[in-house]
Amino acid sequence: QSGALLDRISRLEKSYSGQNMNGNMNARIEAIYDILYDNSADVGILAKINLLEWNVNHQVASGGIDMRLTALENQITGKKAEGTFNERIRQLAKATYGEEILPITQIQIPANTLIKVATTEPVSSKILQAGDTISVKVVEDVFIDDNLVFASGLPGEGVVLNVHRAKNIFSNGKIETDFNKIKSLDGQEIETYAGIEALETMENNSMSRGLSLIGKTFSGKNKGIEEVFIRGKNIELPEGIELYIQTKNPVVVYGLRKNDGYVGTLIPQTEVETLTQEEIEMPPPENPVETYPESMLNKPAPTDSPEVEPRPDEGKTIEGYDGEIIEIIDEE
């Protein structure tokens, strides 16, 4: 926006809550920042939009708040809603989840949790320099105890540590990149790196271009790390190169709970190291055994369906037993 700083602050406040806050300029700026990002008491506005987008599209979009809200409203109701951001989010939550309060819970992400990401721009050892950033995004959802913590589309980035440009047949291109942070579902920046687990997973999945981007490859035979040499060539990689990274430390985040009957418990960040799996694990839902009426068991197959060669035991009865005879039926 343009204009005086206080006017811009006022417009931001009214966009979210419809009214201006009290206090000096710095206090009001910090309050707006907390509304967007702070998750200490409740998830921030960006985390809520991430939750809504994932529930509708199973991926998170990028862009400004108003643009993302409008896209969701057009997709769900066919028109942009009136009101503040807070009101519009509550309306979307009720439409998508059935209630205005989003189903969130706190969950601990263990250290070395693998995350699959992909580059969002071409990468070339000809033009990259040390200190440049390489943008990536999550390409596969990550669940901890059936709670979503990383959603497809969430952004991250790596920092180029060193670049070797190809000069001759004995001087090959190489890029060394530290993928040091990724956004979790609640908007936190999580520290990440390409550790042994990530390198081994890429090696096992033949993700050589992802390994080239890191500048290293993993040797499963001697459990060591070796340089990648592309003889006499620079590294030229298109957008969409997939690789794995992993979380550096345990961290507590807000996740999307899959079991609506589960209520999360607030976990102080200072207790992350001492938590046990039982303290944060969601109890599994009970799976009742389905029963079928006798009429379904004896229902003949449709006459127009193609004949299928029966399995050796399929459809046979058991002779010499009293009581009901149960036939083996198809799973459907």
C-alpha atoms as a PDB file:
ATOM      1  CA  GLN A   1       0.000   0.000   0.000  1.00  0.00           C
ATOM      2  CA  SER A   2       0.960   3.625  -0.332  1.00  0.00           C
ATOM      3  CA  GLY A   3       0.360   6.554   1.971  1.00  0.00           C
ATOM      4  CA  ALA A   4       1.273   7.503   5.522  1.00  0.00           C
ATOM      5  CA  LEU A   5       2.357   4.712   7.851  1.00  0.00           C
ATOM      6  CA  LEU A   6      -0.433   5.218  10.398  1.00  0.00           C
ATOM      7  CA  ASP A   7      -3.048   5.123   7.617  1.00  0.00           C
ATOM      8  CA  ARG A   8      -1.615   1.863   6.329  1.00  0.00           C
ATOM      9  CA  ILE A   9      -1.682   0.370   9.846  1.00  0.00           C
ATOM     10  CA  SER A  10      -5.308   1.457  10.263  1.00  0.00           C
ATOM     11  CA  ARG A  11      -6.336  -0.152   6.983  1.00  0.00           C
ATOM     12  CA  LEU A  12      -4.669  -3.440   7.972  1.00  0.00           C
ATOM     13  CA  GLU A  13      -6.423  -3.451  11.339  1.00  0.00           C
ATOM     14  CA  LYS A  14      -9.822  -2.805   9.789  1.00  0.00           C
ATOM     15  CA  SER A  15      -9.255  -5.436   7.115  1.00  0.00           C
ATOM     16  CA  TYR A  16      -8.848  -8.097   9.807  1.00  0.00           C
ATOM     17  CA  SER A  17     -11.152  -7.104  12.673  1.00  0.00           C
ATOM     18  CA  GLY A  18     -13.121  -4.081  11.434  1.00  0.00           C
ATOM     19  CA  GLN A  19     -11.761  -1.733  14.085  1.00  0.00           C
ATOM     20  CA  ASN A  20      -8.565   0.044  15.055  1.00  0.00           C
ATOM     21  CA  MET A  21      -6.442  -1.022  18.002  1.00  0.00           C
ATOM     22  CA  ASN A  22      -5.223   1.094  20.896  1.00  0.00           C
ATOM     23  CA  GLY A  23      -1.609   1.832  21.700  1.00  0.00           C
ATOM     24  CA  ASN A  24       1.383   3.423  20.056  1.00  0.00           C
ATOM     25  CA  MET A  25       2.505   2.679  16.512  1.00  0.00           C
ATOM     26  CA  ASN A  26       5.022  -0.038  17.413  1.00  0.00           C
ATOM     27  CA  ALA A  27       2.523  -1.858  19.639  1.00  0.00           C
ATOM     28  CA  ARG A  28      -0.083  -1.819  16.874  1.00  0.00           C
ATOM     29  CA  ILE A  29       2.427  -3.156  14.326  1.00  0.00           C
ATOM     30  CA  GLU A  30       3.405  -5.974  16.696  1.00  0.00           C
ATOM     31  CA  ALA A  31      -0.277  -6.812  17.259  1.00  0.00           C
ATOM     32  CA  ILE A  32      -0.828  -7.101  13.492  1.00  0.00           C
ATOM     33  CA  TYR A  33       2.249  -9.296  13.200  1.00  0.00           C
ATOM     34  CA  ASP A  34       0.929 -11.579  15.967  1.00  0.00           C
ATOM     35  CA  ILE A  35      -2.437 -11.856  14.200  1.00  0.00           C
ATOM     36  CA  LEU A  36      -0.663 -13.044  11.066  1.00  0.00           C
ATOM     37  CA  TYR A  37       2.023 -15.320  12.461  1.00  0.00           C
ATOM     38  CA  ASP A  38       1.872 -15.908  16.223  1.00  0.00           C
ATOM     39  CA  ASN A  39       0.667 -19.360  17.299  1.00  0.00           C
ATOM     40  CA  SER A  40       1.274 -19.138  21.050  1.00  0.00           C
ATOM     41  CA  ALA A  41      -2.425 -19.034  22.033  1.00  0.00           C
ATOM     42  CA  ASP A  42      -4.205 -19.805  18.770  1.00  0.00           C
ATOM     43  CA  VAL A  43      -3.074 -20.294  15.198  1.00  0.00           C
ATOM     44  CA  GLY A  44      -2.448 -17.118  13.186  1.00  0.00           C
ATOM     45  CA  ILE A  45      -4.449 -16.025  10.166  1.00  0.00           C
ATOM     46  CA  LEU A  46      -1.983 -17.496   7.639  1.00  0.00           C
ATOM     47  CA  ALA A  47      -2.128 -20.874   9.385  1.00  0.00           C
ATOM     48  CA  LYS A  48      -5.939 -20.792   9.214  1.00  0.00           C
ATOM     49  CA  ILE A  49      -5.870 -20.085   5.486  1.00  0.00           C
ATOM     50  CA  ASN A  50      -3.432 -22.991   5.023  1.00  0.00           C
ATOM     51  CA  LEU A  51      -5.854 -25.294   6.858  1.00  0.00           C
ATOM     52  CA  LEU A  52      -8.805 -24.139   4.742  1.00  0.00           C
ATOM     53  CA  GLU A  53      -6.950 -24.474   1.445  1.00  0.00           C
ATOM     54  CA  TRP A  54      -5.679 -27.948   2.247  1.00  0.00           C
ATOM     55  CA  ASN A  55      -9.148 -29.166   3.227  1.00  0.00           C
ATOM     56  CA  VAL A  56     -10.572 -27.969  -0.103  1.00  0.00           C
ATOM     57  CA  ASN A  57      -7.704 -28.629  -2.539  1.00  0.00           C
ATOM     58  CA  HIS A  58      -5.240 -30.818  -0.572  1.00  0.00           C
ATOM     59  CA  GLN A  59      -2.512 -28.285  -1.198  1.00  0.00           C
ATOM     60  CA  VAL A  60      -1.568 -24.820  -0.003  1.00  0.00           C
ATOM     61  CA  ALA A  61      -1.504 -21.815  -2.352  1.00  0.00           C
ATOM     62  CA  SER A  62       0.753 -18.766  -2.346  1.00  0.00           C
ATOM     63  CA  GLY A  63      -0.051 -15.070  -2.576  1.00  0.00           C
ATOM     64  CA  GLY A  64      -1.758 -12.404  -0.489  1.00  0.00           C
ATOM     65  CA  ILE A  65      -4.451 -13.092   2.117  1.00  0.00           C
ATOM     66  CA  ASP A  66      -7.289 -11.332   0.287  1.00  0.00           C
ATOM     67  CA  MET A  67      -6.487 -13.107  -2.992  1.00  0.00           C
ATOM     68  CA  ARG A  68      -6.384 -16.536  -1.340  1.00  0.00           C
ATOM     69  CA  LEU A  69      -9.605 -15.962   0.609  1.00  0.00           C
ATOM     70  CA  THR A  70     -11.391 -14.731  -2.509  1.00  0.00           C
ATOM     71  CA  ALA A  71     -10.251 -17.793  -4.463  1.00  0.00           C
ATOM     72  CA  LEU A  72     -11.604 -20.094  -1.750  1.00  0.00           C
ATOM     73  CA  GLU A  73     -14.915 -18.220  -1.570  1.00  0.00           C
ATOM     74  CA  ASN A  74     -15.389 -18.348  -5.337  1.00  0.00           C
ATOM     75  CA  GLN A  75     -14.617 -22.056  -5.285  1.00  0.00           C
ATOM     76  CA  ILE A  76     -17.002 -22.871  -2.408  1.00  0.00           C
ATOM     77  CA  THR A  77     -19.845 -20.339  -2.608  1.00  0.00           C
ATOM     78  CA  GLY A  78     -19.345 -18.812  -6.057  1.00  0.00           C
ATOM     79  CA  LYS A  79     -18.786 -15.242  -4.879  1.00  0.00           C
ATOM     80  CA  LYS A  80     -16.557 -13.089  -2.688  1.00  0.00           C
ATOM     81  CA  ALA A  81     -17.945 -12.590   0.827  1.00  0.00           C
ATOM     82  CA  GLU A  82     -18.353  -9.267   2.591  1.00  0.00           C
ATOM     83  CA  GLY A  83     -16.832  -8.500   5.972  1.00  0.00           C
ATOM     84  CA  THR A  84     -13.465  -8.630   7.663  1.00  0.00           C
ATOM     85  CA  PHE A  85     -10.829 -11.295   7.112  1.00  0.00           C
ATOM     86  CA  ASN A  86     -11.722 -12.792  10.503  1.00  0.00           C
ATOM     87  CA  GLU A  87     -15.419 -13.069   9.606  1.00  0.00           C
ATOM     88  CA  ARG A  88     -14.686 -14.508   6.170  1.00  0.00           C
ATOM     89  CA  ILE A  89     -12.364 -17.139   7.648  1.00  0.00           C
ATOM     90  CA  ARG A  90     -15.049 -18.201  10.152  1.00  0.00           C
ATOM     91  CA  GLN A  91     -17.607 -18.514   7.345  1.00  0.00           C
ATOM     92  CA  LEU A  92     -15.225 -20.638   5.273  1.00  0.00           C
ATOM     93  CA  ALA A  93     -14.379 -22.805   8.287  1.00  0.00           C
ATOM     94  CA  LYS A  94     -18.072 -23.484   8.887  1.00  0.00           C
ATOM     95  CA  ALA A  95     -18.626 -24.280   5.203  1.00  0.00           C
ATOM     96  CA  THR A  96     -15.637 -26.629   4.886  1.00  0.00           C
ATOM     97  CA  TYR A  97     -15.328 -28.195   8.359  1.00  0.00           C
ATOM     98  CA  GLY A  98     -18.895 -27.807   9.642  1.00  0.00           C
ATOM     99  CA  GLU A  99     -17.930 -25.479  12.497  1.00  0.00           C
ATOM    100  CA  GLU A 100     -16.234 -22.111  12.916  1.00  0.00           C
ATOM    101  CA  ILE A 101     -13.448 -23.512  15.105  1.00  0.00           C
ATOM    102  CA  LEU A 102     -10.819 -25.248  12.981  1.00  0.00           C
ATOM    103  CA  PRO A 103      -9.833 -28.814  14.026  1.00  0.00           C
ATOM    104  CA  ILE A 104      -6.258 -28.172  15.158  1.00  0.00           C
ATOM    105  CA  THR A 105      -4.029 -29.796  17.733  1.00  0.00           C
ATOM    106  CA  GLN A 106      -0.459 -29.387  18.922  1.00  0.00           C
ATOM    107  CA  ILE A 107       1.891 -32.131  17.840  1.00  0.00           C
ATOM    108  CA  GLN A 108       5.634 -32.714  18.137  1.00  0.00           C
ATOM    109  CA  ILE A 109       7.572 -33.218  14.914  1.00  0.00           C
ATOM    110  CA  PRO A 110      10.526 -35.487  15.700  1.00  0.00           C
ATOM    111  CA  ALA A 111      14.038 -34.653  14.548  1.00  0.00           C
ATOM    112  CA  ASN A 112      15.025 -36.164  11.172  1.00  0.00           C
ATOM    113  CA  THR A 113      11.456 -36.277   9.851  1.00  0.00           C
ATOM    114  CA  LEU A 114      11.751 -36.576   6.063  1.00  0.00           C
ATOM    115  CA  ILE A 115      10.086 -33.988   3.793  1.00  0.00           C
ATOM    116  CA  LYS A 116       9.891 -34.292   0.018  1.00  0.00           C
ATOM    117  CA  VAL A 117      10.336 -30.949  -1.762  1.00  0.00           C
ATOM    118  CA  ALA A 118      10.838 -29.698  -5.321  1.00  0.00           C
ATOM    119  CA  THR A 119      12.546 -26.634  -6.766  1.00  0.00           C
ATOM    120  CA  THR A 120      10.283 -23.870  -8.083  1.00  0.00           C
ATOM    121  CA  GLU A 121      12.809 -22.375 -10.495  1.00  0.00           C
ATOM    122  CA  PRO A 122      15.594 -23.558 -12.832  1.00  0.00           C
ATOM    123  CA  VAL A 123      19.045 -24.004 -11.304  1.00  0.00           C
ATOM    124  CA  SER A 124      22.333 -23.476 -13.131  1.00  0.00           C
ATOM    125  CA  SER A 125      25.910 -23.585 -11.926  1.00  0.00           C
ATOM    126  CA  LYS A 126      26.701 -21.024 -14.667  1.00  0.00           C
ATOM    127  CA  ILE A 127      24.862 -18.159 -12.979  1.00  0.00           C
ATOM    128  CA  LEU A 128      24.427 -19.087  -9.307  1.00  0.00           C
ATOM    129  CA  GLN A 129      26.715 -17.536  -6.724  1.00  0.00           C
ATOM    130  CA  ALA A 130      27.399 -18.263  -3.071  1.00  0.00           C
ATOM    131  CA  GLY A 131      24.696 -16.631  -0.940  1.00  0.00           C
ATOM    132  CA  ASP A 132      21.930 -16.964  -3.566  1.00  0.00           C
ATOM    133  CA  THR A 133      18.688 -18.634  -2.490  1.00  0.00           C
ATOM    134  CA  ILE A 134      16.884 -21.495  -4.208  1.00  0.00           C
ATOM    135  CA  SER A 135      13.133 -21.646  -3.595  1.00  0.00           C
ATOM    136  CA  VAL A 136      11.419 -24.987  -3.023  1.00  0.00           C
ATOM    137  CA  LYS A 137       7.968 -26.194  -2.021  1.00  0.00           C
ATOM    138  CA  VAL A 138       6.635 -29.281  -0.275  1.00  0.00           C
ATOM    139  CA  VAL A 139       5.301 -31.842  -2.781  1.00  0.00           C
ATOM    140  CA  GLU A 140       4.029 -34.571  -0.430  1.00  0.00           C
ATOM    141  CA  ASP A 141       1.956 -34.197   2.743  1.00  0.00           C
ATOM    142  CA  VAL A 142       3.656 -35.240   5.986  1.00  0.00           C
ATOM    143  CA  PHE A 143       1.606 -36.724   8.833  1.00  0.00           C
ATOM    144  CA  ILE A 144       2.698 -37.341  12.423  1.00  0.00           C
ATOM    145  CA  ASP A 145       0.365 -39.696  14.315  1.00  0.00           C
ATOM    146  CA  ASP A 146      -2.288 -39.079  11.630  1.00  0.00           C
ATOM    147  CA  ASN A 147      -2.012 -35.296  12.110  1.00  0.00           C
ATOM    148  CA  LEU A 148      -1.017 -33.157   9.109  1.00  0.00           C
ATOM    149  CA  VAL A 149       2.075 -31.028   9.836  1.00  0.00           C
ATOM    150  CA  PHE A 150       3.535 -30.304   6.366  1.00  0.00           C
ATOM    151  CA  ALA A 151       1.161 -29.769   3.439  1.00  0.00           C
ATOM    152  CA  SER A 152       1.847 -29.867  -0.271  1.00  0.00           C
ATOM    153  CA  GLY A 153       2.590 -26.356  -1.535  1.00  0.00           C
ATOM    154  CA  LEU A 154       4.212 -24.943   1.608  1.00  0.00           C
ATOM    155  CA  PRO A 155       7.316 -22.880   0.759  1.00  0.00           C
ATOM    156  CA  GLY A 156      10.922 -23.288   1.791  1.00  0.00           C
ATOM    157  CA  GLU A 157      14.346 -22.279   0.587  1.00  0.00           C
ATOM    158  CA  GLY A 158      17.959 -23.237   0.410  1.00  0.00           C
ATOM    159  CA  VAL A 159      21.080 -21.102   0.451  1.00  0.00           C
ATOM    160  CA  VAL A 160      23.893 -21.707  -2.043  1.00  0.00           C
ATOM    161  CA  LEU A 161      27.092 -22.318  -0.105  1.00  0.00           C
ATOM    162  CA  ASN A 162      29.498 -22.837  -2.972  1.00  0.00           C
ATOM    163  CA  VAL A 163      29.479 -23.070  -6.781  1.00  0.00           C
ATOM    164  CA  HIS A 164      32.098 -24.693  -8.995  1.00  0.00           C
ATOM    165  CA  ARG A 165      31.736 -23.867 -12.688  1.00  0.00           C
ATOM    166  CA  ALA A 166      32.922 -26.311 -15.335  1.00  0.00           C
ATOM    167  CA  LYS A 167      36.171 -25.207 -17.002  1.00  0.00           C
ATOM    168  CA  ASN A 168      37.556 -28.312 -18.681  1.00  0.00           C
ATOM    169  CA  ILE A 169      37.171 -32.060 -18.655  1.00  0.00           C
ATOM    170  CA  PHE A 170      38.832 -32.236 -15.265  1.00  0.00           C
ATOM    171  CA  SER A 171      36.881 -29.318 -13.752  1.00  0.00           C
ATOM    172  CA  ASN A 172      33.209 -30.148 -13.383  1.00  0.00           C
ATOM    173  CA  GLY A 173      30.231 -28.112 -12.289  1.00  0.00           C
ATOM    174  CA  LYS A 174      29.062 -28.520  -8.720  1.00  0.00           C
ATOM    175  CA  ILE A 175      26.516 -26.754  -6.502  1.00  0.00           C
ATOM    176  CA  GLU A 176      26.588 -27.039  -2.726  1.00  0.00           C
ATOM    177  CA  THR A 177      23.295 -25.944  -1.198  1.00  0.00           C
ATOM    178  CA  ASP A 178      22.040 -25.963   2.363  1.00  0.00           C
ATOM    179  CA  PHE A 179      18.236 -26.337   2.412  1.00  0.00           C
ATOM    180  CA  ASN A 180      17.881 -24.744   5.783  1.00  0.00           C
ATOM    181  CA  LYS A 181      14.186 -23.954   6.322  1.00  0.00           C
ATOM    182  CA  ILE A 182      10.676 -24.976   5.366  1.00  0.00           C
ATOM    183  CA  LYS A 183       7.260 -23.712   6.487  1.00  0.00           C
ATOM    184  CA  SER A 184       5.061 -26.003   8.573  1.00  0.00           C
ATOM    185  CA  LEU A 185       1.273 -26.012   8.271  1.00  0.00           C
ATOM    186  CA  ASP A 186       0.902 -23.407  11.031  1.00  0.00           C
ATOM    187  CA  GLY A 187       3.377 -21.046   9.347  1.00  0.00           C
ATOM    188  CA  GLN A 188       6.429 -21.724  11.500  1.00  0.00           C
ATOM    189  CA  GLU A 189       9.832 -21.762   9.847  1.00  0.00           C
ATOM    190  CA  ILE A 190      11.299 -25.171  10.643  1.00  0.00           C
ATOM    191  CA  GLU A 191      15.062 -25.767  10.499  1.00  0.00           C
ATOM    192  CA  THR A 192      15.961 -28.450   7.976  1.00  0.00           C
ATOM    193  CA  TYR A 193      19.033 -29.901   6.283  1.00  0.00           C
ATOM    194  CA  ALA A 194      20.065 -32.694   3.922  1.00  0.00           C
ATOM    195  CA  GLY A 195      21.222 -35.285   6.451  1.00  0.00           C
ATOM    196  CA  ILE A 196      22.155 -38.928   6.094  1.00  0.00           C
ATOM    197  CA  GLU A 197      18.517 -40.110   6.086  1.00  0.00           C
ATOM    198  CA  ALA A 198      17.565 -37.670   3.319  1.00  0.00           C
ATOM    199  CA  LEU A 199      20.619 -38.540   1.209  1.00  0.00           C
ATOM    200  CA  GLU A 200      20.050 -42.266   1.624  1.00  0.00           C
ATOM    201  CA  THR A 201      16.399 -41.922   0.616  1.00  0.00           C
ATOM    202  CA  MET A 202      17.379 -40.030  -2.541  1.00  0.00           C
ATOM    203  CA  GLU A 203      20.018 -42.633  -3.333  1.00  0.00           C
ATOM    204  CA  ASN A 204      17.503 -45.460  -2.903  1.00  0.00           C
ATOM    205  CA  ASN A 205      15.000 -43.657  -5.133  1.00  0.00           C
ATOM    206  CA  SER A 206      17.604 -42.840  -7.820  1.00  0.00           C
ATOM    207  CA  MET A 207      17.097 -39.075  -7.376  1.00  0.00           C
ATOM    208  CA  SER A 208      20.492 -38.198  -8.837  1.00  0.00           C
ATOM    209  CA  ARG A 209      19.531 -34.667  -9.914  1.00  0.00           C
ATOM    210  CA  GLY A 210      18.402 -33.843  -6.400  1.00  0.00           C
ATOM    211  CA  LEU A 211      21.724 -35.108  -5.112  1.00  0.00           C
ATOM    212  CA  SER A 212      23.545 -32.981  -7.703  1.00  0.00           C
ATOM    213  CA  LEU A 213      21.719 -29.918  -6.407  1.00  0.00           C
ATOM    214  CA  ILE A 214      23.006 -30.589  -2.903  1.00  0.00           C
ATOM    215  CA  GLY A 215      26.457 -31.233  -4.350  1.00  0.00           C
ATOM    216  CA  LYS A 216      26.831 -34.600  -2.675  1.00  0.00           C
ATOM    217  CA  THR A 217      25.743 -38.192  -3.039  1.00  0.00           C
ATOM    218  CA  PHE A 218      25.374 -40.956  -0.513  1.00  0.00           C
ATOM    219  CA  SER A 219      27.292 -44.202  -0.801  1.00  0.00           C
ATOM    220  CA  GLY A 220      25.365 -46.994   0.868  1.00  0.00           C
ATOM    221  CA  LYS A 221      28.381 -49.344   0.757  1.00  0.00           C
ATOM    222  CA  ASN A 222      30.745 -47.353   2.942  1.00  0.00           C
ATOM    223  CA  LYS A 223      28.177 -45.015   4.546  1.00  0.00           C
ATOM    224  CA  GLY A 224      30.209 -42.009   3.439  1.00  0.00           C
ATOM    225  CA  ILE A 225      29.533 -38.856   1.485  1.00  0.00           C
ATOM    226  CA  GLU A 226      31.177 -38.291  -1.872  1.00  0.00           C
ATOM    227  CA  GLU A 227      31.250 -35.400  -4.321  1.00  0.00           C
ATOM    228  CA  VAL A 228      29.241 -35.565  -7.522  1.00  0.00           C
ATOM    229  CA  PHE A 229      31.352 -35.125 -10.649  1.00  0.00           C
ATOM    230  CA  ILE A 230      29.700 -34.374 -13.984  1.00  0.00           C
ATOM    231  CA  ARG A 231      32.654 -34.556 -16.313  1.00  0.00           C
ATOM    232  CA  GLY A 232      33.287 -31.287 -18.087  1.00  0.00           C
ATOM    233  CA  LYS A 233      29.705 -30.054 -17.730  1.00  0.00           C
ATOM    234  CA  ASN A 234      27.890 -27.436 -15.728  1.00  0.00           C
ATOM    235  CA  ILE A 235      24.867 -28.443 -13.677  1.00  0.00           C
ATOM    236  CA  GLU A 236      21.739 -27.330 -15.530  1.00  0.00           C
ATOM    237  CA  LEU A 237      18.540 -28.363 -13.768  1.00  0.00           C
ATOM    238  CA  PRO A 238      14.970 -27.364 -14.709  1.00  0.00           C
ATOM    239  CA  GLU A 239      12.203 -26.369 -12.329  1.00  0.00           C
ATOM    240  CA  GLY A 240      10.625 -29.216 -10.396  1.00  0.00           C
ATOM    241  CA  ILE A 241      13.711 -31.175  -9.302  1.00  0.00           C
ATOM    242  CA  GLU A 242      12.642 -33.326  -6.347  1.00  0.00           C
ATOM    243  CA  LEU A 243      14.785 -34.050  -3.320  1.00  0.00           C
ATOM    244  CA  TYR A 244      14.446 -34.905   0.359  1.00  0.00           C
ATOM    245  CA  ILE A 245      15.340 -32.818   3.366  1.00  0.00           C
ATOM    246  CA  GLN A 246      14.832 -33.561   7.050  1.00  0.00           C
ATOM    247  CA  THR A 247      14.011 -31.656  10.221  1.00  0.00           C
ATOM    248  CA  LYS A 248      17.020 -30.711  12.324  1.00  0.00           C
ATOM    249  CA  ASN A 249      15.440 -30.664  15.807  1.00  0.00           C
ATOM    250  CA  PRO A 250      12.212 -31.721  17.525  1.00  0.00           C
ATOM    251  CA  VAL A 251       9.648 -28.933  17.341  1.00  0.00           C
ATOM    252  CA  VAL A 252       6.033 -28.456  18.441  1.00  0.00           C
ATOM    253  CA  VAL A 253       3.595 -27.139  15.838  1.00  0.00           C
ATOM    254  CA  TYR A 254      -0.124 -26.883  15.293  1.00  0.00           C
ATOM    255  CA  GLY A 255      -1.330 -29.628  12.989  1.00  0.00           C
ATOM    256  CA  LEU A 256      -4.631 -30.556  11.402  1.00  0.00           C
ATOM    257  CA  ARG A 257      -6.137 -33.419  13.345  1.00  0.00           C
ATOM    258  CA  LYS A 258      -7.900 -36.128  11.393  1.00  0.00           C
ATOM    259  CA  ASN A 259      -9.986 -37.434  14.296  1.00  0.00           C
ATOM    260  CA  ASP A 260     -12.639 -34.823  15.132  1.00  0.00           C
ATOM    261  CA  GLY A 261     -13.160 -36.327  18.582  1.00  0.00           C
ATOM    262  CA  TYR A 262      -9.589 -35.624  19.635  1.00  0.00           C
ATOM    263  CA  VAL A 263      -8.773 -32.446  21.566  1.00  0.00           C
ATOM    264  CA  GLY A 264      -5.153 -31.366  21.578  1.00  0.00           C
ATOM    265  CA  THR A 265      -3.224 -30.389  24.706  1.00  0.00           C
ATOM    266  CA  LEU A 266      -0.975 -27.334  24.772  1.00  0.00           C
ATOM    267  CA  ILE A 267       2.672 -28.400  24.928  1.00  0.00           C
ATOM    268  CA  PRO A 268       5.214 -25.843  26.216  1.00  0.00           C
ATOM    269  CA  GLN A 269       8.168 -25.478  23.865  1.00  0.00           C
ATOM    270  CA  THR A 270      10.528 -25.937  26.839  1.00  0.00           C
ATOM    271  CA  GLU A 271       9.271 -29.502  27.308  1.00  0.00           C
ATOM    272  CA  VAL A 272       9.839 -30.683  23.741  1.00  0.00           C
ATOM    273  CA  GLU A 273      12.940 -32.701  24.569  1.00  0.00           C
ATOM    274  CA  THR A 274      11.278 -34.606  27.461  1.00  0.00           C
ATOM    275  CA  LEU A 275       8.038 -35.581  25.751  1.00  0.00           C
ATOM    276  CA  THR A 276       7.284 -39.240  25.275  1.00  0.00           C
ATOM    277  CA  GLN A 277       5.423 -40.692  22.314  1.00  0.00           C
ATOM    278  CA  GLU A 278       2.461 -41.608  24.575  1.00  0.00           C
ATOM    279  CA  GLU A 279       2.048 -37.973  25.708  1.00  0.00           C
ATOM    280  CA  ILE A 280       1.440 -36.694  22.174  1.00  0.00           C
ATOM    281  CA  GLU A 281       0.006 -39.749  20.451  1.00  0.00           C
ATOM    282  CA  MET A 282      -3.623 -39.663  19.363  1.00  0.00           C
ATOM    283  CA  PRO A 283      -5.617 -42.766  20.355  1.00  0.00           C
ATOM    284  CA  PRO A 284      -6.582 -44.798  17.272  1.00  0.00           C
ATOM    285  CA  PRO A 285     -10.283 -44.813  16.325  1.00  0.00           C
ATOM    286  CA  GLU A 286     -12.212 -48.007  16.859  1.00  0.00           C
ATOM    287  CA  ASN A 287     -13.124 -49.952  13.722  1.00  0.00           C
ATOM    288  CA  PRO A 288     -16.473 -51.678  14.171  1.00  0.00           C
ATOM    289  CA  VAL A 289     -16.928 -54.976  12.358  1.00  0.00           C
ATOM    290  CA  GLU A 290     -19.443 -54.712   9.553  1.00  0.00           C
ATOM    291  CA  THR A 291     -22.245 -57.267   9.412  1.00  0.00           C
ATOM    292  CA  TYR A 292     -24.333 -58.179   6.418  1.00  0.00           C
ATOM    293  CA  PRO A 293     -27.926 -59.456   6.280  1.00  0.00           C
ATOM    294  CA  GLU A 294     -28.471 -62.963   4.991  1.00  0.00           C
ATOM    295  CA  SER A 295     -30.247 -61.540   1.942  1.00  0.00           C
ATOM    296  CA  MET A 296     -27.016 -59.879   0.845  1.00  0.00           C
ATOM    297  CA  LEU A 297     -24.988 -63.043   1.300  1.00  0.00           C
ATOM    298  CA  ASN A 298     -27.355 -65.025  -0.923  1.00  0.00           C
ATOM    299  CA  LYS A 299     -27.869 -62.264  -3.486  1.00  0.00           C
ATOM    300  CA  PRO A 300     -27.179 -63.595  -7.001  1.00  0.00           C
ATOM    301  CA  ALA A 301     -24.648 -61.837  -9.222  1.00  0.00           C
ATOM    302  CA  PRO A 302     -26.004 -59.574 -12.021  1.00  0.00           C
ATOM    303  CA  THR A 303     -26.831 -61.555 -15.173  1.00  0.00           C
ATOM    304  CA  ASP A 304     -25.096 -59.070 -17.481  1.00  0.00           C
ATOM    305  CA  SER A 305     -21.762 -59.226 -15.632  1.00  0.00           C
ATOM    306  CA  PRO A 306     -18.958 -61.175 -17.339  1.00  0.00           C
ATOM    307  CA  GLU A 307     -18.252 -64.632 -16.069  1.00  0.00           C
ATOM    308  CA  VAL A 308     -15.237 -64.828 -13.783  1.00  0.00           C
ATOM    309  CA  GLU A 309     -13.360 -68.018 -13.105  1.00  0.00           C
ATOM    310  CA  PRO A 310     -14.037 -68.755  -9.404  1.00  0.00           C
ATOM    311  CA  ARG A 311     -11.201 -69.273  -6.961  1.00  0.00           C
ATOM    312  CA  PRO A 312     -10.801 -72.848  -5.632  1.00  0.00           C
ATOM    313  CA  ASP A 313     -12.709 -72.159  -2.394  1.00  0.00           C
ATOM    314  CA  GLU A 314     -15.080 -69.472  -3.636  1.00  0.00           C
ATOM    315  CA  GLY A 315     -18.802 -70.275  -3.440  1.00  0.00           C
ATOM    316  CA  LYS A 316     -18.296 -73.743  -1.978  1.00  0.00           C
ATOM    317  CA  THR A 317     -20.271 -74.938   1.006  1.00  0.00           C
ATOM    318  CA  ILE A 318     -18.928 -76.957   3.892  1.00  0.00           C
ATOM    319  CA  GLU A 319     -20.496 -80.384   4.090  1.00  0.00           C
ATOM    320  CA  GLY A 320     -21.013 -82.181   7.379  1.00  0.00           C
ATOM    321  CA  TYR A 321     -21.619 -79.069   9.492  1.00  0.00           C
ATOM    322  CA  ASP A 322     -24.916 -78.094  11.097  1.00  0.00           C
ATOM    323  CA  GLY A 323     -26.183 -74.515  11.150  1.00  0.00           C
ATOM    324  CA  GLU A 324     -25.856 -71.722   8.596  1.00  0.00           C
ATOM    325  CA  ILE A 325     -23.690 -72.082   5.518  1.00  0.00           C
ATOM    326  CA  ILE A 326     -21.795 -68.862   4.796  1.00  0.00           C
ATOM    327  CA  GLU A 327     -20.555 -68.262   1.267  1.00  0.00           C
ATOM    328  CA  ILE A 328     -17.401 -66.337   0.404  1.00  0.00           C
ATOM    329  CA  ILE A 329     -18.431 -63.071  -1.283  1.00  0.00           C
ATOM    330  CA  ASP A 330     -16.556 -60.395  -3.203  1.00  0.00           C
ATOM    331  CA  GLU A 331     -15.095 -57.497  -1.194  1.00  0.00           C
ATOM    332  CA  GLU A 332     -17.405 -55.014  -2.857  1.00  0.00           C
END
